[in-house]
PDB file of N, CA and C in Angstrom:
ATOM      1  N   MET A   1     -82.114 -26.927 -10.536  1.00  0.00           N
ATOM      2  CA  MET A   1     -81.525 -28.851 -10.740  1.00  0.00           C
ATOM      3  C   MET A   1     -81.151 -29.168  -9.344  1.00  0.00           C
ATOM      4  N   LYS A   2     -81.055 -30.169  -9.056  1.00  0.00           N
ATOM      5  CA  LYS A   2     -81.130 -30.972  -8.514  1.00  0.00           C
ATOM      6  C   LYS A   2     -79.202 -31.640  -8.357  1.00  0.00           C
ATOM      7  N   THR A   3     -78.586 -32.012  -6.961  1.00  0.00           N
ATOM      8  CA  THR A   3     -77.199 -32.086  -7.201  1.00  0.00           C
ATOM      9  C   THR A   3     -76.900 -32.072  -5.476  1.00  0.00           C
ATOM     10  N   THR A   4     -75.757 -33.119  -5.321  1.00  0.00           N
ATOM     11  CA  THR A   4     -75.423 -33.927  -3.799  1.00  0.00           C
ATOM     12  C   THR A   4     -74.115 -33.064  -3.634  1.00  0.00           C
ATOM     13  N   LEU A   5     -74.395 -32.786  -2.365  1.00  0.00           N
ATOM     14  CA  LEU A   5     -73.371 -31.823  -1.897  1.00  0.00           C
ATOM     15  C   LEU A   5     -72.804 -32.946  -0.159  1.00  0.00           C
ATOM     16  N   GLU A   6     -71.778 -32.796  -0.147  1.00  0.00           N
ATOM     17  CA  GLU A   6     -71.291 -33.775   0.760  1.00  0.00           C
ATOM     18  C   GLU A   6     -71.115 -32.477   2.065  1.00  0.00           C
ATOM     19  N   ILE A   7     -71.554 -32.579   3.404  1.00  0.00           N
ATOM     20  CA  ILE A   7     -71.195 -31.171   4.258  1.00  0.00           C
ATOM     21  C   ILE A   7     -70.989 -31.959   5.982  1.00  0.00           C
ATOM     22  N   GLN A   8     -69.979 -31.270   6.145  1.00  0.00           N
ATOM     23  CA  GLN A   8     -70.167 -32.167   7.654  1.00  0.00           C
ATOM     24  C   GLN A   8     -71.450 -32.615   8.177  1.00  0.00           C
ATOM     25  N   ASP A   9     -70.945 -33.489   9.187  1.00  0.00           N
ATOM     26  CA  ASP A   9     -72.593 -33.942   9.904  1.00  0.00           C
ATOM     27  C   ASP A   9     -73.397 -32.224  10.232  1.00  0.00           C
ATOM     28  N   ALA A  10     -71.598 -32.109  11.754  1.00  0.00           N
ATOM     29  CA  ALA A  10     -72.422 -31.192  12.387  1.00  0.00           C
ATOM     30  C   ALA A  10     -72.828 -30.108  11.827  1.00  0.00           C
ATOM     31  N   LEU A  11     -72.128 -29.282  10.953  1.00  0.00           N
ATOM     32  CA  LEU A  11     -72.391 -28.185  10.068  1.00  0.00           C
ATOM     33  C   LEU A  11     -74.491 -28.358   9.196  1.00  0.00           C
ATOM     34  N   LEU A  12     -74.192 -29.574   9.189  1.00  0.00           N
ATOM     35  CA  LEU A  12     -75.913 -29.997   8.065  1.00  0.00           C
ATOM     36  C   LEU A  12     -76.952 -29.920   9.773  1.00  0.00           C
ATOM     37  N   LEU A  13     -76.378 -29.945  10.498  1.00  0.00           N
ATOM     38  CA  LEU A  13     -77.237 -30.653  11.762  1.00  0.00           C
ATOM     39  C   LEU A  13     -77.689 -29.258  11.735  1.00  0.00           C
ATOM     40  N   ARG A  14     -76.049 -27.982  12.374  1.00  0.00           N
ATOM     41  CA  ARG A  14     -77.009 -26.859  12.932  1.00  0.00           C
ATOM     42  C   ARG A  14     -77.531 -26.090  11.273  1.00  0.00           C
ATOM     43  N   ALA A  15     -78.108 -26.323   9.961  1.00  0.00           N
ATOM     44  CA  ALA A  15     -78.224 -25.603   9.196  1.00  0.00           C
ATOM     45  C   ALA A  15     -79.843 -26.486   8.896  1.00  0.00           C
ATOM     46  N   LYS A  16     -80.096 -27.419   8.988  1.00  0.00           N
ATOM     47  CA  LYS A  16     -81.436 -27.600  10.001  1.00  0.00           C
ATOM     48  C   LYS A  16     -81.928 -27.209  11.648  1.00  0.00           C
ATOM     49  N   ARG A  17     -81.685 -27.104  11.329  1.00  0.00           N
ATOM     50  CA  ARG A  17     -81.877 -26.573  13.169  1.00  0.00           C
ATOM     51  C   ARG A  17     -82.375 -24.910  12.450  1.00  0.00           C
ATOM     52  N   LEU A  18     -81.581 -24.003  12.120  1.00  0.00           N
ATOM     53  CA  LEU A  18     -82.113 -22.777  11.682  1.00  0.00           C
ATOM     54  C   LEU A  18     -83.103 -22.880  10.596  1.00  0.00           C
ATOM     55  N   ALA A  19     -82.890 -23.386  10.295  1.00  0.00           N
ATOM     56  CA  ALA A  19     -84.152 -23.842   8.981  1.00  0.00           C
ATOM     57  C   ALA A  19     -85.416 -24.306   9.079  1.00  0.00           C
ATOM     58  N   LYS A  20     -85.466 -25.249  10.355  1.00  0.00           N
ATOM     59  CA  LYS A  20     -86.740 -25.103  10.650  1.00  0.00           C
ATOM     60  C   LYS A  20     -87.289 -24.135  11.851  1.00  0.00           C
ATOM     61  N   ARG A  21     -86.362 -23.062  12.657  1.00  0.00           N
ATOM     62  CA  ARG A  21     -86.426 -22.037  12.925  1.00  0.00           C
ATOM     63  C   ARG A  21     -87.085 -20.856  12.025  1.00  0.00           C
ATOM     64  N   SER A  22     -86.682 -20.730  11.103  1.00  0.00           N
ATOM     65  CA  SER A  22     -86.676 -19.598  10.356  1.00  0.00           C
ATOM     66  C   SER A  22     -87.730 -20.256   8.927  1.00  0.00           C
ATOM     67  N   GLY A  23     -88.514 -21.394   9.666  1.00  0.00           N
ATOM     68  CA  GLY A  23     -89.505 -21.849   7.993  1.00  0.00           C
ATOM     69  C   GLY A  23     -89.263 -21.863   6.762  1.00  0.00           C
ATOM     70  N   LYS A  24     -87.834 -21.919   7.053  1.00  0.00           N
ATOM     71  CA  LYS A  24     -87.001 -22.315   5.354  1.00  0.00           C
ATOM     72  C   LYS A  24     -87.231 -23.224   5.203  1.00  0.00           C
ATOM     73  N   PRO A  25     -86.947 -23.654   4.217  1.00  0.00           N
ATOM     74  CA  PRO A  25     -87.068 -24.681   3.690  1.00  0.00           C
ATOM     75  C   PRO A  25     -85.087 -25.495   3.532  1.00  0.00           C
ATOM     76  N   LEU A  26     -84.381 -26.357   3.809  1.00  0.00           N
ATOM     77  CA  LEU A  26     -82.614 -26.504   4.033  1.00  0.00           C
ATOM     78  C   LEU A  26     -82.458 -25.788   2.426  1.00  0.00           C
ATOM     79  N   ARG A  27     -82.930 -26.523   1.895  1.00  0.00           N
ATOM     80  CA  ARG A  27     -82.445 -25.605   0.147  1.00  0.00           C
ATOM     81  C   ARG A  27     -82.465 -23.957  -0.191  1.00  0.00           C
ATOM     82  N   ALA A  28     -83.323 -23.281   0.204  1.00  0.00           N
ATOM     83  CA  ALA A  28     -83.603 -22.170   1.054  1.00  0.00           C
ATOM     84  C   ALA A  28     -82.374 -21.352   1.145  1.00  0.00           C
ATOM     85  N   LEU A  29     -81.873 -22.062   2.224  1.00  0.00           N
ATOM     86  CA  LEU A  29     -81.274 -21.368   3.269  1.00  0.00           C
ATOM     87  C   LEU A  29     -80.048 -22.104   2.508  1.00  0.00           C
ATOM     88  N   VAL A  30     -79.661 -23.054   2.292  1.00  0.00           N
ATOM     89  CA  VAL A  30     -78.383 -22.770   0.826  1.00  0.00           C
ATOM     90  C   VAL A  30     -77.881 -21.926   0.421  1.00  0.00           C
ATOM     91  N   GLU A  31     -79.445 -21.915  -1.022  1.00  0.00           N
ATOM     92  CA  GLU A  31     -79.427 -20.561  -1.796  1.00  0.00           C
ATOM     93  C   GLU A  31     -79.150 -19.360  -1.501  1.00  0.00           C
ATOM     94  N   GLU A  32     -79.101 -19.125   0.474  1.00  0.00           N
ATOM     95  CA  GLU A  32     -78.838 -17.984   0.654  1.00  0.00           C
ATOM     96  C   GLU A  32     -77.604 -17.798   0.631  1.00  0.00           C
ATOM     97  N   GLY A  33     -77.185 -19.051   1.542  1.00  0.00           N
ATOM     98  CA  GLY A  33     -75.828 -19.012   1.641  1.00  0.00           C
ATOM     99  C   GLY A  33     -74.674 -19.018   0.631  1.00  0.00           C
ATOM    100  N   LEU A  34     -75.102 -19.516  -0.526  1.00  0.00           N
ATOM    101  CA  LEU A  34     -74.386 -19.582  -1.850  1.00  0.00           C
ATOM    102  C   LEU A  34     -74.875 -18.299  -1.539  1.00  0.00           C
ATOM    103  N   GLN A  35     -75.643 -17.282  -2.526  1.00  0.00           N
ATOM    104  CA  GLN A  35     -75.381 -16.347  -3.203  1.00  0.00           C
ATOM    105  C   GLN A  35     -74.606 -15.132  -2.285  1.00  0.00           C
ATOM    106  N   LEU A  36     -74.917 -14.977  -0.759  1.00  0.00           N
ATOM    107  CA  LEU A  36     -73.907 -14.102   0.151  1.00  0.00           C
ATOM    108  C   LEU A  36     -72.624 -14.102  -0.171  1.00  0.00           C
ATOM    109  N   VAL A  37     -72.279 -15.614  -0.699  1.00  0.00           N
ATOM    110  CA  VAL A  37     -70.270 -15.570  -0.935  1.00  0.00           C
ATOM    111  C   VAL A  37     -70.413 -15.260  -2.179  1.00  0.00           C
ATOM    112  N   LEU A  38     -71.293 -15.712  -3.011  1.00  0.00           N
ATOM    113  CA  LEU A  38     -70.833 -15.172  -4.632  1.00  0.00           C
ATOM    114  C   LEU A  38     -71.121 -13.865  -4.971  1.00  0.00           C
ATOM    115  N   ALA A  39     -71.813 -13.186  -3.929  1.00  0.00           N
ATOM    116  CA  ALA A  39     -71.773 -11.370  -3.724  1.00  0.00           C
ATOM    117  C   ALA A  39     -70.253 -11.101  -3.719  1.00  0.00           C
ATOM    118  N   ARG A  40     -69.694 -11.460  -2.537  1.00  0.00           N
ATOM    119  CA  ARG A  40     -68.550 -10.589  -1.662  1.00  0.00           C
ATOM    120  C   ARG A  40     -67.188 -10.853  -3.204  1.00  0.00           C
ATOM    121  N   PRO A  41     -67.143  -9.731  -2.901  1.00  0.00           N
ATOM    122  CA  PRO A  41     -65.744  -9.154  -3.121  1.00  0.00           C
ATOM    123  C   PRO A  41     -64.670 -10.345  -3.788  1.00  0.00           C
ATOM    124  N   VAL A  42     -63.945 -11.026  -4.697  1.00  0.00           N
ATOM    125  CA  VAL A  42     -62.734 -11.684  -4.522  1.00  0.00           C
ATOM    126  C   VAL A  42     -61.848 -11.725  -4.986  1.00  0.00           C
ATOM    127  N   GLN A  43     -60.716 -12.087  -3.472  1.00  0.00           N
ATOM    128  CA  GLN A  43     -59.311 -11.235  -3.099  1.00  0.00           C
ATOM    129  C   GLN A  43     -58.958 -12.637  -4.146  1.00  0.00           C
ATOM    130  N   PRO A  44     -58.432 -11.503  -5.229  1.00  0.00           N
ATOM    131  CA  PRO A  44     -56.798 -12.581  -5.720  1.00  0.00           C
ATOM    132  C   PRO A  44     -56.185 -13.402  -4.127  1.00  0.00           C
ATOM    133  N   SER A  45     -55.665 -14.779  -4.265  1.00  0.00           N
ATOM    134  CA  SER A  45     -54.968 -14.918  -4.252  1.00  0.00           C
ATOM    135  C   SER A  45     -53.118 -14.961  -4.210  1.00  0.00           C
ATOM    136  N   LYS A  46     -52.570 -14.734  -3.058  1.00  0.00           N
ATOM    137  CA  LYS A  46     -51.623 -14.146  -3.362  1.00  0.00           C
ATOM    138  C   LYS A  46     -49.976 -15.223  -3.576  1.00  0.00           C
ATOM    139  N   SER A  47     -49.390 -15.587  -4.930  1.00  0.00           N
ATOM    140  CA  SER A  47     -48.841 -16.630  -5.687  1.00  0.00           C
ATOM    141  C   SER A  47     -47.464 -17.250  -4.241  1.00  0.00           C
ATOM    142  N   TYR A  48     -47.269 -17.784  -4.005  1.00  0.00           N
ATOM    143  CA  TYR A  48     -46.170 -18.577  -3.206  1.00  0.00           C
ATOM    144  C   TYR A  48     -44.712 -17.835  -3.463  1.00  0.00           C
ATOM    145  N   GLU A  49     -44.343 -17.500  -2.990  1.00  0.00           N
ATOM    146  CA  GLU A  49     -42.855 -16.828  -2.844  1.00  0.00           C
ATOM    147  C   GLU A  49     -42.250 -17.361  -2.192  1.00  0.00           C
ATOM    148  N   PRO A  50     -41.215 -19.216  -2.673  1.00  0.00           N
ATOM    149  CA  PRO A  50     -40.535 -19.683  -1.597  1.00  0.00           C
ATOM    150  C   PRO A  50     -39.631 -19.089  -0.539  1.00  0.00           C
ATOM    151  N   PRO A  51     -39.219 -19.000   0.773  1.00  0.00           N
ATOM    152  CA  PRO A  51     -38.644 -17.748   1.983  1.00  0.00           C
ATOM    153  C   PRO A  51     -37.324 -17.909   1.206  1.00  0.00           C
ATOM    154  N   ASP A  52     -36.339 -16.556   1.041  1.00  0.00           N
ATOM    155  CA  ASP A  52     -34.670 -16.519   0.466  1.00  0.00           C
ATOM    156  C   ASP A  52     -33.830 -17.506   1.593  1.00  0.00           C
ATOM    157  N   ARG A  53     -33.653 -18.707   1.197  1.00  0.00           N
ATOM    158  CA  ARG A  53     -32.667 -19.276   2.320  1.00  0.00           C
ATOM    159  C   ARG A  53     -31.112 -19.469   1.527  1.00  0.00           C
ATOM    160  N   SER A  54     -30.605 -18.214   0.696  1.00  0.00           N
ATOM    161  CA  SER A  54     -29.656 -18.006   0.068  1.00  0.00           C
ATOM    162  C   SER A  54     -28.250 -18.102   1.343  1.00  0.00           C
ATOM    163  N   VAL A  55     -27.452 -18.637   1.527  1.00  0.00           N
ATOM    164  CA  VAL A  55     -26.432 -18.553   2.296  1.00  0.00           C
ATOM    165  C   VAL A  55     -24.725 -17.688   1.705  1.00  0.00           C
ATOM    166  N   GLY A  56     -24.206 -17.107   2.709  1.00  0.00           N
ATOM    167  CA  GLY A  56     -23.380 -16.853   1.952  1.00  0.00           C
ATOM    168  C   GLY A  56     -23.515 -14.746   1.550  1.00  0.00           C
ATOM    169  N   ASP A  57     -22.129 -14.467   0.786  1.00  0.00           N
ATOM    170  CA  ASP A  57     -22.190 -13.313   0.183  1.00  0.00           C
ATOM    171  C   ASP A  57     -22.683 -13.058  -1.386  1.00  0.00           C
ATOM    172  N   PRO A  58     -23.483 -12.804  -1.651  1.00  0.00           N
ATOM    173  CA  PRO A  58     -24.525 -13.060  -3.221  1.00  0.00           C
ATOM    174  C   PRO A  58     -23.316 -12.588  -4.306  1.00  0.00           C
ATOM    175  N   THR A  59     -21.867 -11.454  -3.644  1.00  0.00           N
ATOM    176  CA  THR A  59     -21.804 -10.703  -4.422  1.00  0.00           C
ATOM    177  C   THR A  59     -20.224 -11.204  -4.294  1.00  0.00           C
ATOM    178  N   ALA A  60     -19.926 -11.578  -3.267  1.00  0.00           N
ATOM    179  CA  ALA A  60     -18.281 -12.531  -4.012  1.00  0.00           C
ATOM    180  C   ALA A  60     -18.050 -13.539  -4.847  1.00  0.00           C
ATOM    181  N   VAL A  61     -17.559 -13.478  -5.036  1.00  0.00           N
ATOM    182  CA  VAL A  61     -16.533 -14.513  -5.937  1.00  0.00           C
ATOM    183  C   VAL A  61     -17.140 -16.071  -5.646  1.00  0.00           C
ATOM    184  N   ASN A  62     -17.795 -17.524  -6.204  1.00  0.00           N
ATOM    185  CA  ASN A  62     -17.440 -18.059  -6.336  1.00  0.00           C
ATOM    186  C   ASN A  62     -16.570 -18.864  -6.183  1.00  0.00           C
ATOM    187  N   PRO A  63     -16.065 -19.819  -5.162  1.00  0.00           N
ATOM    188  CA  PRO A  63     -14.734 -20.137  -5.319  1.00  0.00           C
ATOM    189  C   PRO A  63     -15.067 -21.581  -6.385  1.00  0.00           C
ATOM    190  N   LEU A  64     -15.936 -22.494  -6.518  1.00  0.00           N
ATOM    191  CA  LEU A  64     -16.142 -23.207  -7.607  1.00  0.00           C
ATOM    192  C   LEU A  64     -16.226 -22.680  -8.801  1.00  0.00           C
ATOM    193  N   GLU A  65     -16.205 -21.991  -9.559  1.00  0.00           N
ATOM    194  CA  GLU A  65     -16.448 -21.115 -11.081  1.00  0.00           C
ATOM    195  C   GLU A  65     -15.496 -21.428 -11.929  1.00  0.00           C
ATOM    196  N   ASN A  66     -14.103 -21.848 -11.208  1.00  0.00           N
ATOM    197  CA  ASN A  66     -12.982 -22.293 -12.719  1.00  0.00           C
ATOM    198  C   ASN A  66     -13.017 -23.605 -12.171  1.00  0.00           C
ATOM    199  N   TRP A  67     -13.695 -24.694 -11.771  1.00  0.00           N
ATOM    200  CA  TRP A  67     -13.005 -26.159 -11.730  1.00  0.00           C
ATOM    201  C   TRP A  67     -13.852 -26.642 -12.720  1.00  0.00           C
ATOM    202  N   SER A  68     -12.934 -27.639 -12.921  1.00  0.00           N
ATOM    203  CA  SER A  68     -13.262 -28.842 -13.942  1.00  0.00           C
ATOM    204  C   SER A  68     -15.153 -28.976 -13.211  1.00  0.00           C
ATOM    205  N   TRP A  69     -15.614 -29.664 -14.985  1.00  0.00           N
ATOM    206  CA  TRP A  69     -16.215 -31.055 -13.771  1.00  0.00           C
ATOM    207  C   TRP A  69     -15.207 -32.126 -13.336  1.00  0.00           C
ATOM    208  N   GLN A  70     -14.578 -32.869 -14.004  1.00  0.00           N
ATOM    209  CA  GLN A  70     -14.168 -33.699 -13.027  1.00  0.00           C
ATOM    210  C   GLN A  70     -13.588 -33.166 -11.497  1.00  0.00           C
ATOM    211  N   ASP A  71     -12.748 -32.297 -11.325  1.00  0.00           N
ATOM    212  CA  ASP A  71     -12.396 -31.586 -10.230  1.00  0.00           C
ATOM    213  C   ASP A  71     -13.554 -31.010  -9.821  1.00  0.00           C
ATOM    214  N   LEU A  72     -15.244 -31.212  -9.686  1.00  0.00           N
ATOM    215  CA  LEU A  72     -16.019 -31.183  -8.852  1.00  0.00           C
ATOM    216  C   LEU A  72     -16.627 -32.359  -9.073  1.00  0.00           C
ATOM    217  N   ARG A  73     -16.841 -33.126  -9.127  1.00  0.00           N
ATOM    218  CA  ARG A  73     -16.856 -34.227  -9.052  1.00  0.00           C
ATOM    219  C   ARG A  73     -16.236 -35.114  -8.579  1.00  0.00           C
ATOM    220  N   ASP A  74     -14.848 -34.823  -8.728  1.00  0.00           N
ATOM    221  CA  ASP A  74     -13.793 -35.289  -7.125  1.00  0.00           C
ATOM    222  C   ASP A  74     -14.531 -34.462  -6.155  1.00  0.00           C
ATOM    223  N   GLU A  75     -14.768 -33.071  -6.001  1.00  0.00           N
ATOM    224  CA  GLU A  75     -15.090 -33.258  -4.685  1.00  0.00           C
ATOM    225  C   GLU A  75     -16.399 -33.355  -4.017  1.00  0.00           C
ATOM    226  N   ILE A  76     -16.750 -33.162  -4.350  1.00  0.00           N
ATOM    227  CA  ILE A  76     -18.849 -34.289  -4.211  1.00  0.00           C
ATOM    228  C   ILE A  76     -18.816 -35.889  -3.879  1.00  0.00           C
ATOM    229  N   TYR A  77     -17.508 -36.261  -5.204  1.00  0.00           N
ATOM    230  CA  TYR A  77     -17.955 -37.393  -4.146  1.00  0.00           C
ATOM    231  C   TYR A  77     -16.620 -37.686  -3.016  1.00  0.00           C
ATOM    232  N   GLY A  78     -16.426 -36.799  -3.079  1.00  0.00           N
ATOM    233  CA  GLY A  78     -15.716 -37.131  -1.836  1.00  0.00           C
ATOM    234  C   GLY A  78     -13.583 -37.859  -2.212  1.00  0.00           C
ATOM    235  N   GLY A  79     -13.523 -38.812  -3.478  1.00  0.00           N
ATOM    236  CA  GLY A  79     -12.366 -39.379  -3.681  1.00  0.00           C
ATOM    237  C   GLY A  79     -13.624 -40.380  -4.159  1.00  0.00           C
ATOM    238  N   LEU A  80     -14.428 -40.923  -3.697  1.00  0.00           N
ATOM    239  CA  LEU A  80     -15.213 -42.596  -3.820  1.00  0.00           C
ATOM    240  C   LEU A  80     -15.000 -43.186  -5.321  1.00  0.00           C
ATOM    241  N   GLU A  81     -14.635 -44.304  -4.991  1.00  0.00           N
ATOM    242  CA  GLU A  81     -14.416 -45.401  -6.461  1.00  0.00           C
ATOM    243  C   GLU A  81     -15.984 -44.898  -7.499  1.00  0.00           C
ATOM    244  N   ARG A  82     -16.085 -44.278  -8.470  1.00  0.00           N
ATOM    245  CA  ARG A  82     -17.240 -44.774  -9.044  1.00  0.00           C
ATOM    246  C   ARG A  82     -17.420 -46.404  -9.963  1.00  0.00           C
ATOM    247  N   LYS A  83     -18.443 -47.154 -10.054  1.00  0.00           N
ATOM    248  CA  LYS A  83     -18.086 -48.264 -10.409  1.00  0.00           C
ATOM    249  C   LYS A  83     -18.690 -48.011 -11.613  1.00  0.00           C
TER     250      LYS A  83
END
């Protein structure tokens, strides 16, 4: 099967030199490299866990828990008039 690959110029140059020295066509060298990579066991990727950026004591009482929405809005906007 034919396909088109985009390969860094420097890497392609090195591969062509190796192919010439080894007497193999570039296609055979690429196939051999793919076979080596595909034969390796797959390492499961770790799922990303964001760092804990918590502040304060998680067991402390939340001082905003008993505030009304109006009180919270006033606190957030600092007395700015809404339009």
